[in-house]
Protein backbone atom coordinates (compact mmCIF):
# COMPACT_ATOMS: atom_id res chain seq x y z
CA MET A 1 -23.14 -10.62 1.81
CA LEU A 2 -23.46 -6.80 1.83
CA ILE A 3 -26.51 -5.56 0.05
CA LEU A 4 -27.06 -2.11 -0.40
CA HIS A 5 -30.22 0.32 -1.79
CA CYS A 6 -29.72 2.15 -4.89
CA PRO A 7 -31.64 5.56 -4.51
CA CYS A 8 -31.03 5.98 -7.96
CA CYS A 9 -33.50 3.05 -9.42
CA GLY A 10 -34.80 1.62 -6.30
CA VAL A 11 -32.97 -1.71 -6.12
CA ASP A 12 -31.47 -3.33 -3.42
CA ALA A 13 -28.41 -4.46 -4.99
CA GLU A 14 -25.65 -7.28 -3.69
CA GLU A 15 -22.35 -5.95 -3.54
CA THR A 16 -21.37 -8.06 -6.50
CA GLU A 17 -23.66 -5.98 -8.43
CA LEU A 18 -21.72 -2.69 -7.36
CA HIS A 19 -17.97 -0.81 -7.13
CA ALA A 20 -17.23 0.90 -4.16
CA GLY A 21 -15.77 4.21 -4.94
CA GLY A 22 -14.09 5.06 -1.28
CA GLU A 23 -14.84 8.00 0.86
CA ALA A 24 -17.81 9.99 0.05
CA HIS A 25 -17.86 13.84 0.98
CA ILE A 26 -13.86 14.94 0.22
CA LYS A 27 -13.35 18.19 -0.33
CA ARG A 28 -11.93 18.29 -4.06
CA PHE A 29 -9.41 21.42 -5.14
CA GLY A 30 -9.29 22.72 -8.69
CA PRO A 31 -6.59 24.11 -10.77
CA GLY A 32 -4.20 26.53 -8.48
CA SER A 33 -4.45 24.46 -5.42
CA ASP A 34 -1.26 24.14 -3.41
CA ASP A 35 0.98 21.23 -3.26
CA ASP A 36 -0.24 20.59 0.33
CA GLN A 37 -4.09 20.70 -0.67
CA PHE A 38 -3.28 18.31 -3.33
CA HIS A 39 -1.31 16.01 -0.70
CA ASP A 40 -4.28 16.13 1.61
CA TYR A 41 -6.93 15.02 -1.33
CA LEU A 42 -4.78 12.53 -2.53
CA PHE A 43 -3.68 10.39 0.88
CA MET A 44 -5.43 12.10 3.73
CA ARG A 45 -8.65 9.77 4.08
CA GLU A 46 -10.41 8.57 6.83
CA ASN A 47 -10.31 4.56 7.54
CA PRO A 48 -12.92 4.06 10.71
CA LYS A 49 -13.35 1.03 12.61
CA GLY A 50 -17.31 1.99 12.49
CA VAL A 51 -19.39 4.35 10.99
CA HIS A 52 -18.02 5.37 7.10
CA PHE A 53 -19.42 6.97 4.76
CA GLU A 54 -18.70 5.90 1.23
CA ARG A 55 -19.55 6.27 -2.23
CA TRP A 56 -20.81 3.32 -4.39
CA GLN A 57 -21.69 2.82 -8.20
CA HIS A 58 -24.77 0.57 -9.19
CA ALA A 59 -22.52 -0.82 -11.59
CA ASN A 60 -24.44 -3.80 -13.01
CA GLY A 61 -27.51 -1.76 -12.70
CA CYS A 62 -28.32 2.08 -13.30
CA GLY A 63 -24.96 2.57 -13.21
CA LYS A 64 -25.38 5.78 -10.95
CA TRP A 65 -23.48 6.76 -8.06
CA PHE A 66 -24.81 6.97 -4.46
CA HIS A 67 -23.58 7.48 -0.96
CA ALA A 68 -24.20 4.90 1.75
CA ALA A 69 -23.51 5.12 5.22
CA ARG A 70 -22.40 2.10 7.19
CA CYS A 71 -20.47 0.50 10.23
CA THR A 72 -17.16 -0.95 8.78
CA ALA A 73 -17.12 -3.62 11.50
CA THR A 74 -19.85 -5.20 11.41
CA LEU A 75 -21.44 -4.31 8.03
CA GLU A 76 -24.43 -2.53 9.01
CA VAL A 77 -26.24 -0.13 6.50
CA PHE A 78 -27.60 2.91 8.23
CA GLY A 79 -29.06 4.17 4.84
CA THR A 80 -27.89 5.31 1.30
CA TYR A 81 -28.73 8.61 -0.31
CA ARG A 82 -28.02 10.33 -3.62
CA ALA A 83 -24.26 11.45 -4.53
CA GLN A 84 -24.92 15.00 -5.27
CA THR A 85 -26.15 15.36 -1.54
CA THR A 86 -23.52 17.81 -0.04
CA GLU A 87 -23.80 16.56 3.69
CA PRO A 88 -25.65 13.19 5.18
CA PRO A 89 -29.57 13.38 5.22
CA LYS A 90 -30.51 13.98 8.95
CA ASP A 91 -32.81 10.89 8.99
CA ILE A 92 -29.54 8.88 8.15
CA ARG A 93 -27.43 10.73 11.44
CA ASP A 94 -30.41 10.19 13.62
CA ALA A 95 -30.42 6.45 12.63
CA ILE A 96 -26.93 6.68 13.48
CA THR A 97 -26.64 8.42 16.78
CA ALA A 98 -29.90 6.20 17.91
CA LYS A 99 -27.69 2.77 17.40
CA ARG A 100 -23.86 4.59 18.03
CA PRO A 101 -24.75 7.38 20.64
CA GLY A 102 -21.63 10.01 20.44
CA TRP A 103 -20.40 9.09 16.98
CA VAL A 104 -17.98 11.48 14.67
CA TRP A 105 -16.88 11.28 11.06
CA ARG A 106 -15.43 14.70 10.13
CA GLU A 107 -17.68 17.19 10.21
CA PHE A 108 -21.17 15.01 10.75
CA SER A 109 -22.69 13.65 13.92
């Protein structure tokens, strides 16, 4: 079972207490965006076998959203951090690099 640490309330929550919200750090386009930008926002998502950054909501807890870095192949969790963070924290990127040298995800590595 997947267990994630909620950085908002400090609880280690099982996946049954959480709600998955898809890929993290997606660039959202506002009014005035063209069709190609909207298409990319809706359909062009990462789906890697390996390191992935995701949004999660602590639905049966504090109700807040946060981000998690994990491996989709092994369910290994590298860390969690608040959703307001615009890029993965350096300590989490360093933890991933220590276990997965040469990893890449979008513009982060």
